[in-house]
């Protein structure tokens, strides 16, 4: 069972379940998060709070209807994405564009786990 973390929402406490994705060397290279209250915009607002992050693509109006990759951002030299695979999923995938391990993933995970 994956760990369940708690994040403060402006008006509610929201439980976020994180599912870490590991590479062949047992390093977390990406993760999935259960769709939070506030959906794609909530994910984008969490990412925006990461020190040193540069958002290059944010969710657009009706992005759930037309975009699988709804948020793109850079941390250091690494390009990350937030996606909703298949456009109708109970989890969002968050990880580097190249789907390889980068130490910056720890900073991104900490943003989601408090």
Protein backbone atom coordinates (compact mmCIF):
# COMPACT_ATOMS: atom_id res chain seq x y z
CA UNK A 1 0.00 0.00 0.00
CA UNK A 2 1.53 3.35 -1.04
CA UNK A 3 1.98 6.06 1.58
CA UNK A 4 -0.81 8.51 2.04
CA UNK A 5 0.25 12.11 2.60
CA UNK A 6 -1.73 15.11 3.76
CA UNK A 7 -1.65 18.52 2.08
CA UNK A 8 -3.37 21.66 3.24
CA UNK A 9 -5.84 23.02 0.76
CA UNK A 10 -7.09 26.61 1.24
CA UNK A 11 -10.28 25.35 2.87
CA UNK A 12 -9.85 21.59 3.37
CA UNK A 13 -7.24 19.04 4.33
CA UNK A 14 -6.76 16.74 1.33
CA UNK A 15 -5.21 13.27 1.43
CA UNK A 16 -2.90 12.62 -1.50
CA UNK A 17 -1.74 9.12 -2.27
CA UNK A 18 1.65 8.89 -3.99
CA UNK A 19 2.66 5.88 -6.11
CA UNK A 20 6.41 5.93 -6.72
CA UNK A 21 7.69 4.51 -10.02
CA UNK A 22 11.12 2.87 -9.80
CA UNK A 23 13.84 2.19 -12.34
CA UNK A 24 15.94 -0.99 -12.62
CA UNK A 25 18.26 0.34 -9.86
CA UNK A 26 15.29 0.88 -7.49
CA UNK A 27 15.46 4.68 -7.78
CA UNK A 28 12.26 6.68 -7.97
CA UNK A 29 12.23 8.35 -11.41
CA UNK A 30 8.58 9.44 -11.49
CA UNK A 31 5.38 9.08 -9.49
CA UNK A 32 1.65 8.99 -9.82
CA UNK A 33 -0.68 10.92 -7.59
CA UNK A 34 -4.37 10.28 -7.05
CA UNK A 35 -6.33 13.08 -8.71
CA UNK A 36 -6.58 15.76 -6.01
CA UNK A 37 -9.43 18.10 -5.21
CA UNK A 38 -8.95 20.90 -7.71
CA UNK A 39 -7.56 18.52 -10.34
CA UNK A 40 -5.09 19.75 -12.92
CA UNK A 41 -5.03 23.33 -11.64
CA UNK A 42 -4.22 22.08 -8.14
CA UNK A 43 -1.26 20.07 -9.49
CA UNK A 44 -0.03 23.14 -11.37
CA UNK A 45 -0.31 25.33 -8.25
CA UNK A 46 1.72 22.80 -6.22
CA UNK A 47 4.41 22.71 -8.93
CA UNK A 48 4.46 26.52 -9.08
CA UNK A 49 5.51 26.65 -5.39
CA UNK A 50 8.70 24.64 -5.97
CA UNK A 51 11.68 26.95 -5.55
CA UNK A 52 13.57 27.36 -8.83
CA UNK A 53 10.84 25.85 -11.02
CA UNK A 54 9.91 27.41 -14.35
CA UNK A 55 6.48 26.45 -15.69
CA UNK A 56 6.54 26.25 -19.48
CA UNK A 57 2.98 24.97 -19.95
CA UNK A 58 0.02 25.28 -17.57
CA UNK A 59 -3.45 23.74 -17.83
CA UNK A 60 -5.70 25.54 -20.29
CA UNK A 61 -9.45 25.97 -20.27
CA UNK A 62 -11.01 22.52 -20.80
CA UNK A 63 -7.54 20.93 -20.86
CA UNK A 64 -9.06 17.73 -19.44
CA UNK A 65 -10.96 17.42 -22.70
CA UNK A 66 -8.08 17.89 -25.13
CA UNK A 67 -4.65 17.52 -23.50
CA UNK A 68 -3.01 14.44 -22.01
CA UNK A 69 0.07 16.44 -20.95
CA UNK A 70 -1.36 19.41 -19.08
CA UNK A 71 1.65 20.85 -17.26
CA UNK A 72 5.30 21.12 -18.28
CA UNK A 73 8.02 22.60 -16.10
CA UNK A 74 11.76 22.81 -15.67
CA UNK A 75 13.75 22.32 -12.49
CA UNK A 76 17.47 22.81 -12.96
CA UNK A 77 18.26 21.37 -16.38
CA UNK A 78 15.50 18.74 -16.21
CA UNK A 79 12.19 19.03 -18.10
CA UNK A 80 9.21 17.51 -16.28
CA UNK A 81 5.63 16.78 -17.27
CA UNK A 82 2.34 16.16 -15.54
CA UNK A 83 0.03 13.93 -17.56
CA UNK A 84 -3.30 12.26 -17.32
CA UNK A 85 -2.68 9.05 -19.27
CA UNK A 86 -5.51 8.13 -21.62
CA UNK A 87 -7.27 11.41 -20.73
CA UNK A 88 -9.58 9.77 -18.19
CA UNK A 89 -7.68 8.34 -15.28
CA UNK A 90 -7.83 8.31 -11.50
CA UNK A 91 -4.13 9.24 -11.30
CA UNK A 92 -1.79 11.81 -12.77
CA UNK A 93 1.73 10.81 -13.86
CA UNK A 94 4.45 13.28 -12.88
CA UNK A 95 8.03 12.81 -13.99
CA UNK A 96 10.84 13.86 -16.29
CA UNK A 97 10.24 14.16 -20.02
CA UNK A 98 12.90 11.51 -20.71
CA UNK A 99 11.43 9.08 -18.11
CA UNK A 100 14.89 8.60 -16.56
CA UNK A 101 16.09 9.11 -12.99
CA UNK A 102 17.21 12.61 -12.02
CA UNK A 103 17.92 13.71 -8.42
CA UNK A 104 15.51 16.65 -8.90
CA UNK A 105 12.58 14.22 -8.67
CA UNK A 106 13.02 14.22 -4.88
CA UNK A 107 12.28 17.95 -4.77
CA UNK A 108 9.15 17.46 -6.87
CA UNK A 109 7.92 14.60 -4.67
CA UNK A 110 8.49 16.69 -1.52
CA UNK A 111 6.25 19.40 -2.98
CA UNK A 112 3.41 16.86 -3.16
CA UNK A 113 4.05 15.12 0.15
CA UNK A 114 4.61 18.19 2.31
